[in-house]
């Protein structure tokens, strides 16, 4: 798969099925951050959720580096995290 195709697939996923299933990405990851904050008894921010999810995908790739879906997911989480720096709601 060419890099442009991988990035397009990540974009299609975060704008399509995932958005339909889970709602707005920032709101969903803010919710995850609040839940993790309670579990861990420390403040977790949505951008940290994106970083942790990328870390999960990297850990999985250690065992199966040829698993394309993990690479696509990393690209998607990176895009959402970067977008959150400038586009997050007030």
PDB file of N, CA and C in Angstrom:
ATOM      1  N   UNK A   1       0.853  -1.176   0.000  1.00  0.00           N
ATOM      2  CA  UNK A   1       0.000   0.000   0.000  1.00  0.00           C
ATOM      3  C   UNK A   1       0.900   1.241   0.000  1.00  0.00           C
ATOM      4  N   UNK A   2       0.613   2.161  -0.852  1.00  0.00           N
ATOM      5  CA  UNK A   2       1.358   3.415  -0.913  1.00  0.00           C
ATOM      6  C   UNK A   2       0.951   4.315   0.252  1.00  0.00           C
ATOM      7  N   UNK A   3       1.863   5.194   0.643  1.00  0.00           N
ATOM      8  CA  UNK A   3       1.619   6.047   1.816  1.00  0.00           C
ATOM      9  C   UNK A   3       0.354   6.875   1.672  1.00  0.00           C
ATOM     10  N   UNK A   4       0.100   7.367   0.464  1.00  0.00           N
ATOM     11  CA  UNK A   4      -1.108   8.166   0.250  1.00  0.00           C
ATOM     12  C   UNK A   4      -2.363   7.325   0.482  1.00  0.00           C
ATOM     13  N   UNK A   5      -2.312   6.075   0.077  1.00  0.00           N
ATOM     14  CA  UNK A   5      -3.446   5.168   0.280  1.00  0.00           C
ATOM     15  C   UNK A   5      -3.642   4.872   1.764  1.00  0.00           C
ATOM     16  N   UNK A   6      -2.534   4.666   2.470  1.00  0.00           N
ATOM     17  CA  UNK A   6      -2.631   4.400   3.905  1.00  0.00           C
ATOM     18  C   UNK A   6      -3.238   5.601   4.627  1.00  0.00           C
ATOM     19  N   UNK A   7      -2.771   6.797   4.292  1.00  0.00           N
ATOM     20  CA  UNK A   7      -3.313   7.993   4.933  1.00  0.00           C
ATOM     21  C   UNK A   7      -4.778   8.203   4.572  1.00  0.00           C
ATOM     22  N   UNK A   8      -5.140   7.911   3.338  1.00  0.00           N
ATOM     23  CA  UNK A   8      -6.538   8.050   2.926  1.00  0.00           C
ATOM     24  C   UNK A   8      -7.414   7.042   3.666  1.00  0.00           C
ATOM     25  N   UNK A   9      -6.908   5.820   3.824  1.00  0.00           N
ATOM     26  CA  UNK A   9      -7.670   4.800   4.561  1.00  0.00           C
ATOM     27  C   UNK A   9      -7.881   5.238   6.005  1.00  0.00           C
ATOM     28  N   UNK A  10      -6.829   5.785   6.635  1.00  0.00           N
ATOM     29  CA  UNK A  10      -6.969   6.274   8.013  1.00  0.00           C
ATOM     30  C   UNK A  10      -8.008   7.386   8.071  1.00  0.00           C
ATOM     31  N   UNK A  11      -7.968   8.288   7.120  1.00  0.00           N
ATOM     32  CA  UNK A  11      -8.930   9.391   7.077  1.00  0.00           C
ATOM     33  C   UNK A  11     -10.352   8.862   6.895  1.00  0.00           C
ATOM     34  N   UNK A  12     -10.514   7.912   6.002  1.00  0.00           N
ATOM     35  CA  UNK A  12     -11.847   7.338   5.762  1.00  0.00           C
ATOM     36  C   UNK A  12     -12.398   6.689   7.029  1.00  0.00           C
ATOM     37  N   UNK A  13     -11.538   6.012   7.764  1.00  0.00           N
ATOM     38  CA  UNK A  13     -11.974   5.325   8.984  1.00  0.00           C
ATOM     39  C   UNK A  13     -12.404   6.324  10.053  1.00  0.00           C
ATOM     40  N   UNK A  14     -11.580   7.352  10.300  1.00  0.00           N
ATOM     41  CA  UNK A  14     -11.913   8.271  11.390  1.00  0.00           C
ATOM     42  C   UNK A  14     -13.064   9.199  11.038  1.00  0.00           C
ATOM     43  N   UNK A  15     -13.338   9.364   9.752  1.00  0.00           N
ATOM     44  CA  UNK A  15     -14.469  10.198   9.334  1.00  0.00           C
ATOM     45  C   UNK A  15     -15.733   9.377   9.102  1.00  0.00           C
ATOM     46  N   UNK A  16     -15.574   8.087   8.903  1.00  0.00           N
ATOM     47  CA  UNK A  16     -16.709   7.253   8.533  1.00  0.00           C
ATOM     48  C   UNK A  16     -17.214   6.383   9.658  1.00  0.00           C
ATOM     49  N   UNK A  17     -16.835   5.110   9.607  1.00  0.00           N
ATOM     50  CA  UNK A  17     -17.355   4.116  10.551  1.00  0.00           C
ATOM     51  C   UNK A  17     -17.114   4.499  12.009  1.00  0.00           C
ATOM     52  N   UNK A  18     -15.898   4.912  12.336  1.00  0.00           N
ATOM     53  CA  UNK A  18     -15.594   5.227  13.732  1.00  0.00           C
ATOM     54  C   UNK A  18     -16.411   6.420  14.212  1.00  0.00           C
ATOM     55  N   UNK A  19     -16.537   7.426  13.367  1.00  0.00           N
ATOM     56  CA  UNK A  19     -17.337   8.594  13.744  1.00  0.00           C
ATOM     57  C   UNK A  19     -18.796   8.206  13.933  1.00  0.00           C
ATOM     58  N   UNK A  20     -19.289   7.339  13.055  1.00  0.00           N
ATOM     59  CA  UNK A  20     -20.681   6.893  13.162  1.00  0.00           C
ATOM     60  C   UNK A  20     -20.889   6.043  14.415  1.00  0.00           C
ATOM     61  N   UNK A  21     -19.902   5.207  14.732  1.00  0.00           N
ATOM     62  CA  UNK A  21     -20.030   4.312  15.889  1.00  0.00           C
ATOM     63  C   UNK A  21     -19.823   5.026  17.223  1.00  0.00           C
ATOM     64  N   UNK A  22     -18.840   5.928  17.278  1.00  0.00           N
ATOM     65  CA  UNK A  22     -18.412   6.487  18.564  1.00  0.00           C
ATOM     66  C   UNK A  22     -18.675   7.975  18.721  1.00  0.00           C
ATOM     67  N   UNK A  23     -19.135   8.644  17.687  1.00  0.00           N
ATOM     68  CA  UNK A  23     -19.394  10.081  17.766  1.00  0.00           C
ATOM     69  C   UNK A  23     -18.139  10.897  17.532  1.00  0.00           C
ATOM     70  N   UNK A  24     -18.203  12.171  17.872  1.00  0.00           N
ATOM     71  CA  UNK A  24     -17.092  13.086  17.693  1.00  0.00           C
ATOM     72  C   UNK A  24     -15.839  12.551  18.379  1.00  0.00           C
ATOM     73  N   UNK A  25     -14.729  12.528  17.658  1.00  0.00           N
ATOM     74  CA  UNK A  25     -13.494  11.930  18.174  1.00  0.00           C
ATOM     75  C   UNK A  25     -12.996  12.640  19.431  1.00  0.00           C
ATOM     76  N   UNK A  26     -12.994  13.974  19.423  1.00  0.00           N
ATOM     77  CA  UNK A  26     -12.476  14.698  20.590  1.00  0.00           C
ATOM     78  C   UNK A  26     -13.344  14.426  21.820  1.00  0.00           C
ATOM     79  N   UNK A  27     -14.663  14.443  21.642  1.00  0.00           N
ATOM     80  CA  UNK A  27     -15.553  14.164  22.766  1.00  0.00           C
ATOM     81  C   UNK A  27     -15.354  12.742  23.276  1.00  0.00           C
ATOM     82  N   UNK A  28     -15.226  11.791  22.362  1.00  0.00           N
ATOM     83  CA  UNK A  28     -15.035  10.400  22.755  1.00  0.00           C
ATOM     84  C   UNK A  28     -13.722  10.219  23.522  1.00  0.00           C
ATOM     85  N   UNK A  29     -12.654  10.823  23.031  1.00  0.00           N
ATOM     86  CA  UNK A  29     -11.366  10.661  23.711  1.00  0.00           C
ATOM     87  C   UNK A  29     -11.287  11.490  24.988  1.00  0.00           C
ATOM     88  N   UNK A  30     -12.069  12.552  25.075  1.00  0.00           N
ATOM     89  CA  UNK A  30     -12.192  13.281  26.342  1.00  0.00           C
ATOM     90  C   UNK A  30     -12.889  12.406  27.378  1.00  0.00           C
ATOM     91  N   UNK A  31     -13.906  11.671  26.939  1.00  0.00           N
ATOM     92  CA  UNK A  31     -14.608  10.742  27.824  1.00  0.00           C
ATOM     93  C   UNK A  31     -13.654   9.641  28.294  1.00  0.00           C
ATOM     94  N   UNK A  32     -12.878   9.105  27.365  1.00  0.00           N
ATOM     95  CA  UNK A  32     -11.893   8.085  27.726  1.00  0.00           C
ATOM     96  C   UNK A  32     -10.904   8.654  28.743  1.00  0.00           C
ATOM     97  N   UNK A  33     -10.449   9.887  28.520  1.00  0.00           N
ATOM     98  CA  UNK A  33      -9.503  10.520  29.447  1.00  0.00           C
ATOM     99  C   UNK A  33     -10.099  10.634  30.848  1.00  0.00           C
ATOM    100  N   UNK A  34     -11.369  11.015  30.928  1.00  0.00           N
ATOM    101  CA  UNK A  34     -12.006  11.128  32.252  1.00  0.00           C
ATOM    102  C   UNK A  34     -12.080   9.765  32.941  1.00  0.00           C
ATOM    103  N   UNK A  35     -12.423   8.740  32.196  1.00  0.00           N
ATOM    104  CA  UNK A  35     -12.517   7.393  32.774  1.00  0.00           C
ATOM    105  C   UNK A  35     -11.135   6.920  33.231  1.00  0.00           C
ATOM    106  N   UNK A  36     -10.120   7.082  32.371  1.00  0.00           N
ATOM    107  CA  UNK A  36      -8.761   6.694  32.752  1.00  0.00           C
ATOM    108  C   UNK A  36      -8.293   7.492  33.962  1.00  0.00           C
ATOM    109  N   UNK A  37      -8.661   8.762  34.024  1.00  0.00           N
ATOM    110  CA  UNK A  37      -8.272   9.598  35.166  1.00  0.00           C
ATOM    111  C   UNK A  37      -8.814   9.024  36.465  1.00  0.00           C
ATOM    112  N   UNK A  38     -10.049   8.574  36.439  1.00  0.00           N
ATOM    113  CA  UNK A  38     -10.642   7.971  37.639  1.00  0.00           C
ATOM    114  C   UNK A  38      -9.953   6.662  37.997  1.00  0.00           C
ATOM    115  N   UNK A  39      -9.709   5.841  37.000  1.00  0.00           N
ATOM    116  CA  UNK A  39      -9.073   4.548  37.253  1.00  0.00           C
ATOM    117  C   UNK A  39      -7.660   4.728  37.787  1.00  0.00           C
ATOM    118  N   UNK A  40      -6.901   5.630  37.187  1.00  0.00           N
ATOM    119  CA  UNK A  40      -5.494   5.823  37.533  1.00  0.00           C
ATOM    120  C   UNK A  40      -5.271   6.812  38.674  1.00  0.00           C
ATOM    121  N   UNK A  41      -6.326   7.520  39.045  1.00  0.00           N
ATOM    122  CA  UNK A  41      -6.268   8.537  40.091  1.00  0.00           C
ATOM    123  C   UNK A  41      -5.231   9.617  39.769  1.00  0.00           C
ATOM    124  N   UNK A  42      -5.227  10.039  38.514  1.00  0.00           N
ATOM    125  CA  UNK A  42      -4.412  11.163  38.054  1.00  0.00           C
ATOM    126  C   UNK A  42      -5.057  11.731  36.795  1.00  0.00           C
ATOM    127  N   UNK A  43      -4.746  12.979  36.500  1.00  0.00           N
ATOM    128  CA  UNK A  43      -5.389  13.622  35.353  1.00  0.00           C
ATOM    129  C   UNK A  43      -4.795  13.109  34.044  1.00  0.00           C
ATOM    130  N   UNK A  44      -5.669  12.638  33.174  1.00  0.00           N
ATOM    131  CA  UNK A  44      -5.293  12.223  31.827  1.00  0.00           C
ATOM    132  C   UNK A  44      -6.006  13.148  30.862  1.00  0.00           C
ATOM    133  N   UNK A  45      -5.279  13.680  29.910  1.00  0.00           N
ATOM    134  CA  UNK A  45      -5.842  14.579  28.908  1.00  0.00           C
ATOM    135  C   UNK A  45      -6.123  13.814  27.620  1.00  0.00           C
ATOM    136  N   UNK A  46      -7.079  14.300  26.820  1.00  0.00           N
ATOM    137  CA  UNK A  46      -7.403  13.592  25.573  1.00  0.00           C
ATOM    138  C   UNK A  46      -6.190  13.369  24.672  1.00  0.00           C
ATOM    139  N   UNK A  47      -5.280  14.350  24.603  1.00  0.00           N
ATOM    140  CA  UNK A  47      -4.104  14.165  23.745  1.00  0.00           C
ATOM    141  C   UNK A  47      -3.213  13.033  24.260  1.00  0.00           C
ATOM    142  N   UNK A  48      -3.249  12.793  25.581  1.00  0.00           N
ATOM    143  CA  UNK A  48      -2.505  11.667  26.135  1.00  0.00           C
ATOM    144  C   UNK A  48      -3.164  10.339  25.769  1.00  0.00           C
ATOM    145  N   UNK A  49      -4.483  10.359  25.635  1.00  0.00           N
ATOM    146  CA  UNK A  49      -5.184   9.151  25.185  1.00  0.00           C
ATOM    147  C   UNK A  49      -4.700   8.780  23.788  1.00  0.00           C
ATOM    148  N   UNK A  50      -4.595   9.770  22.892  1.00  0.00           N
ATOM    149  CA  UNK A  50      -4.089   9.489  21.539  1.00  0.00           C
ATOM    150  C   UNK A  50      -2.685   8.902  21.600  1.00  0.00           C
ATOM    151  N   UNK A  51      -1.817   9.485  22.431  1.00  0.00           N
ATOM    152  CA  UNK A  51      -0.451   8.976  22.545  1.00  0.00           C
ATOM    153  C   UNK A  51      -0.436   7.545  23.072  1.00  0.00           C
ATOM    154  N   UNK A  52      -1.272   7.271  24.057  1.00  0.00           N
ATOM    155  CA  UNK A  52      -1.328   5.919  24.623  1.00  0.00           C
ATOM    156  C   UNK A  52      -1.872   4.917  23.621  1.00  0.00           C
ATOM    157  N   UNK A  53      -2.854   5.327  22.839  1.00  0.00           N
ATOM    158  CA  UNK A  53      -3.396   4.416  21.830  1.00  0.00           C
ATOM    159  C   UNK A  53      -2.353   4.123  20.748  1.00  0.00           C
ATOM    160  N   UNK A  54      -1.551   5.128  20.394  1.00  0.00           N
ATOM    161  CA  UNK A  54      -0.442   4.888  19.464  1.00  0.00           C
ATOM    162  C   UNK A  54       0.537   3.901  20.090  1.00  0.00           C
ATOM    163  N   UNK A  55       0.804   4.052  21.383  1.00  0.00           N
ATOM    164  CA  UNK A  55       1.714   3.139  22.077  1.00  0.00           C
ATOM    165  C   UNK A  55       1.182   1.704  22.070  1.00  0.00           C
ATOM    166  N   UNK A  56      -0.133   1.552  22.238  1.00  0.00           N
ATOM    167  CA  UNK A  56      -0.748   0.218  22.172  1.00  0.00           C
ATOM    168  C   UNK A  56      -0.492  -0.396  20.799  1.00  0.00           C
ATOM    169  N   UNK A  57      -0.708   0.398  19.768  1.00  0.00           N
ATOM    170  CA  UNK A  57      -0.506  -0.104  18.400  1.00  0.00           C
ATOM    171  C   UNK A  57       0.960  -0.451  18.157  1.00  0.00           C
ATOM    172  N   UNK A  58       1.891   0.369  18.683  1.00  0.00           N
ATOM    173  CA  UNK A  58       3.315   0.061  18.552  1.00  0.00           C
ATOM    174  C   UNK A  58       3.667  -1.237  19.262  1.00  0.00           C
ATOM    175  N   UNK A  59       3.093  -1.439  20.436  1.00  0.00           N
ATOM    176  CA  UNK A  59       3.356  -2.680  21.175  1.00  0.00           C
ATOM    177  C   UNK A  59       2.873  -3.892  20.378  1.00  0.00           C
ATOM    178  N   UNK A  60       1.730  -3.753  19.746  1.00  0.00           N
ATOM    179  CA  UNK A  60       1.208  -4.861  18.932  1.00  0.00           C
ATOM    180  C   UNK A  60       2.086  -5.101  17.713  1.00  0.00           C
ATOM    181  N   UNK A  61       2.582  -4.023  17.118  1.00  0.00           N
ATOM    182  CA  UNK A  61       3.436  -4.160  15.938  1.00  0.00           C
ATOM    183  C   UNK A  61       4.759  -4.838  16.263  1.00  0.00           C
ATOM    184  N   UNK A  62       5.179  -4.783  17.516  1.00  0.00           N
ATOM    185  CA  UNK A  62       6.401  -5.476  17.916  1.00  0.00           C
ATOM    186  C   UNK A  62       6.281  -6.971  17.633  1.00  0.00           C
ATOM    187  N   UNK A  63       5.073  -7.505  17.822  1.00  0.00           N
ATOM    188  CA  UNK A  63       4.826  -8.927  17.579  1.00  0.00           C
ATOM    189  C   UNK A  63       4.461  -9.208  16.128  1.00  0.00           C
ATOM    190  N   UNK A  64       3.721  -8.291  15.512  1.00  0.00           N
ATOM    191  CA  UNK A  64       3.260  -8.506  14.138  1.00  0.00           C
ATOM    192  C   UNK A  64       3.472  -7.238  13.309  1.00  0.00           C
ATOM    193  N   UNK A  65       4.732  -6.942  12.934  1.00  0.00           N
ATOM    194  CA  UNK A  65       5.023  -5.690  12.223  1.00  0.00           C
ATOM    195  C   UNK A  65       4.370  -5.595  10.847  1.00  0.00           C
ATOM    196  N   UNK A  66       3.901  -6.681  10.322  1.00  0.00           N
ATOM    197  CA  UNK A  66       3.254  -6.671   9.011  1.00  0.00           C
ATOM    198  C   UNK A  66       1.741  -6.411   9.094  1.00  0.00           C
ATOM    199  N   UNK A  67       1.222  -6.204  10.297  1.00  0.00           N
ATOM    200  CA  UNK A  67      -0.216  -5.986  10.481  1.00  0.00           C
ATOM    201  C   UNK A  67      -0.583  -4.568  10.047  1.00  0.00           C
ATOM    202  N   UNK A  68      -1.081  -4.442   8.835  1.00  0.00           N
ATOM    203  CA  UNK A  68      -1.331  -3.143   8.223  1.00  0.00           C
ATOM    204  C   UNK A  68      -2.340  -2.297   8.999  1.00  0.00           C
ATOM    205  N   UNK A  69      -3.355  -2.913   9.570  1.00  0.00           N
ATOM    206  CA  UNK A  69      -4.375  -2.150  10.292  1.00  0.00           C
ATOM    207  C   UNK A  69      -3.780  -1.343  11.446  1.00  0.00           C
ATOM    208  N   UNK A  70      -2.770  -1.868  12.107  1.00  0.00           N
ATOM    209  CA  UNK A  70      -2.142  -1.123  13.195  1.00  0.00           C
ATOM    210  C   UNK A  70      -1.437   0.119  12.661  1.00  0.00           C
ATOM    211  N   UNK A  71      -0.794   0.014  11.522  1.00  0.00           N
ATOM    212  CA  UNK A  71      -0.146   1.178  10.905  1.00  0.00           C
ATOM    213  C   UNK A  71      -1.188   2.225  10.525  1.00  0.00           C
ATOM    214  N   UNK A  72      -2.299   1.771   9.979  1.00  0.00           N
ATOM    215  CA  UNK A  72      -3.382   2.693   9.615  1.00  0.00           C
ATOM    216  C   UNK A  72      -3.932   3.372  10.870  1.00  0.00           C
ATOM    217  N   UNK A  73      -4.146   2.597  11.923  1.00  0.00           N
ATOM    218  CA  UNK A  73      -4.665   3.162  13.172  1.00  0.00           C
ATOM    219  C   UNK A  73      -3.708   4.205  13.758  1.00  0.00           C
ATOM    220  N   UNK A  74      -2.404   3.943  13.691  1.00  0.00           N
ATOM    221  CA  UNK A  74      -1.425   4.916  14.185  1.00  0.00           C
ATOM    222  C   UNK A  74      -1.558   6.226  13.417  1.00  0.00           C
ATOM    223  N   UNK A  75      -1.684   6.136  12.100  1.00  0.00           N
ATOM    224  CA  UNK A  75      -1.851   7.344  11.286  1.00  0.00           C
ATOM    225  C   UNK A  75      -3.119   8.086  11.685  1.00  0.00           C
ATOM    226  N   UNK A  76      -4.190   7.350  11.947  1.00  0.00           N
ATOM    227  CA  UNK A  76      -5.448   7.968  12.359  1.00  0.00           C
ATOM    228  C   UNK A  76      -5.341   8.651  13.710  1.00  0.00           C
ATOM    229  N   UNK A  77      -4.729   7.979  14.684  1.00  0.00           N
ATOM    230  CA  UNK A  77      -4.560   8.586  16.008  1.00  0.00           C
ATOM    231  C   UNK A  77      -3.651   9.814  15.937  1.00  0.00           C
ATOM    232  N   UNK A  78      -2.610   9.748  15.107  1.00  0.00           N
ATOM    233  CA  UNK A  78      -1.717  10.901  14.946  1.00  0.00           C
ATOM    234  C   UNK A  78      -2.473  12.082  14.356  1.00  0.00           C
ATOM    235  N   UNK A  79      -3.317  11.817  13.368  1.00  0.00           N
ATOM    236  CA  UNK A  79      -4.100  12.892  12.756  1.00  0.00           C
ATOM    237  C   UNK A  79      -5.068  13.501  13.766  1.00  0.00           C
ATOM    238  N   UNK A  80      -5.745  12.665  14.528  1.00  0.00           N
ATOM    239  CA  UNK A  80      -6.691  13.168  15.525  1.00  0.00           C
ATOM    240  C   UNK A  80      -5.978  13.950  16.621  1.00  0.00           C
ATOM    241  N   UNK A  81      -4.826  13.456  17.057  1.00  0.00           N
ATOM    242  CA  UNK A  81      -4.075  14.162  18.082  1.00  0.00           C
ATOM    243  C   UNK A  81      -3.583  15.518  17.596  1.00  0.00           C
ATOM    244  N   UNK A  82      -3.087  15.559  16.382  1.00  0.00           N
ATOM    245  CA  UNK A  82      -2.636  16.822  15.815  1.00  0.00           C
ATOM    246  C   UNK A  82      -3.771  17.787  15.612  1.00  0.00           C
ATOM    247  N   UNK A  83      -4.900  17.273  15.154  1.00  0.00           N
ATOM    248  CA  UNK A  83      -6.078  18.120  14.963  1.00  0.00           C
ATOM    249  C   UNK A  83      -6.532  18.709  16.308  1.00  0.00           C
ATOM    250  N   UNK A  84      -6.461  17.896  17.348  1.00  0.00           N
ATOM    251  CA  UNK A  84      -6.897  18.341  18.662  1.00  0.00           C
ATOM    252  C   UNK A  84      -6.092  19.519  19.202  1.00  0.00           C
ATOM    253  N   UNK A  85      -4.883  19.693  18.727  1.00  0.00           N
ATOM    254  CA  UNK A  85      -4.073  20.820  19.179  1.00  0.00           C
ATOM    255  C   UNK A  85      -4.646  22.160  18.724  1.00  0.00           C
ATOM    256  N   UNK A  86      -5.311  22.154  17.586  1.00  0.00           N
ATOM    257  CA  UNK A  86      -5.796  23.419  17.021  1.00  0.00           C
ATOM    258  C   UNK A  86      -7.310  23.490  16.881  1.00  0.00           C
ATOM    259  N   UNK A  87      -7.977  22.355  16.920  1.00  0.00           N
ATOM    260  CA  UNK A  87      -9.401  22.327  16.627  1.00  0.00           C
ATOM    261  C   UNK A  87     -10.279  21.896  17.787  1.00  0.00           C
ATOM    262  N   UNK A  88      -9.706  21.651  18.970  1.00  0.00           N
ATOM    263  CA  UNK A  88     -10.517  21.129  20.065  1.00  0.00           C
ATOM    264  C   UNK A  88     -11.555  22.178  20.507  1.00  0.00           C
ATOM    265  N   UNK A  89     -12.720  21.711  20.910  1.00  0.00           N
ATOM    266  CA  UNK A  89     -13.761  22.636  21.369  1.00  0.00           C
ATOM    267  C   UNK A  89     -13.348  23.347  22.653  1.00  0.00           C
ATOM    268  N   UNK A  90     -13.934  24.509  22.875  1.00  0.00           N
ATOM    269  CA  UNK A  90     -13.636  25.280  24.092  1.00  0.00           C
ATOM    270  C   UNK A  90     -14.178  24.575  25.330  1.00  0.00           C
TER     271      UNK A  90
END
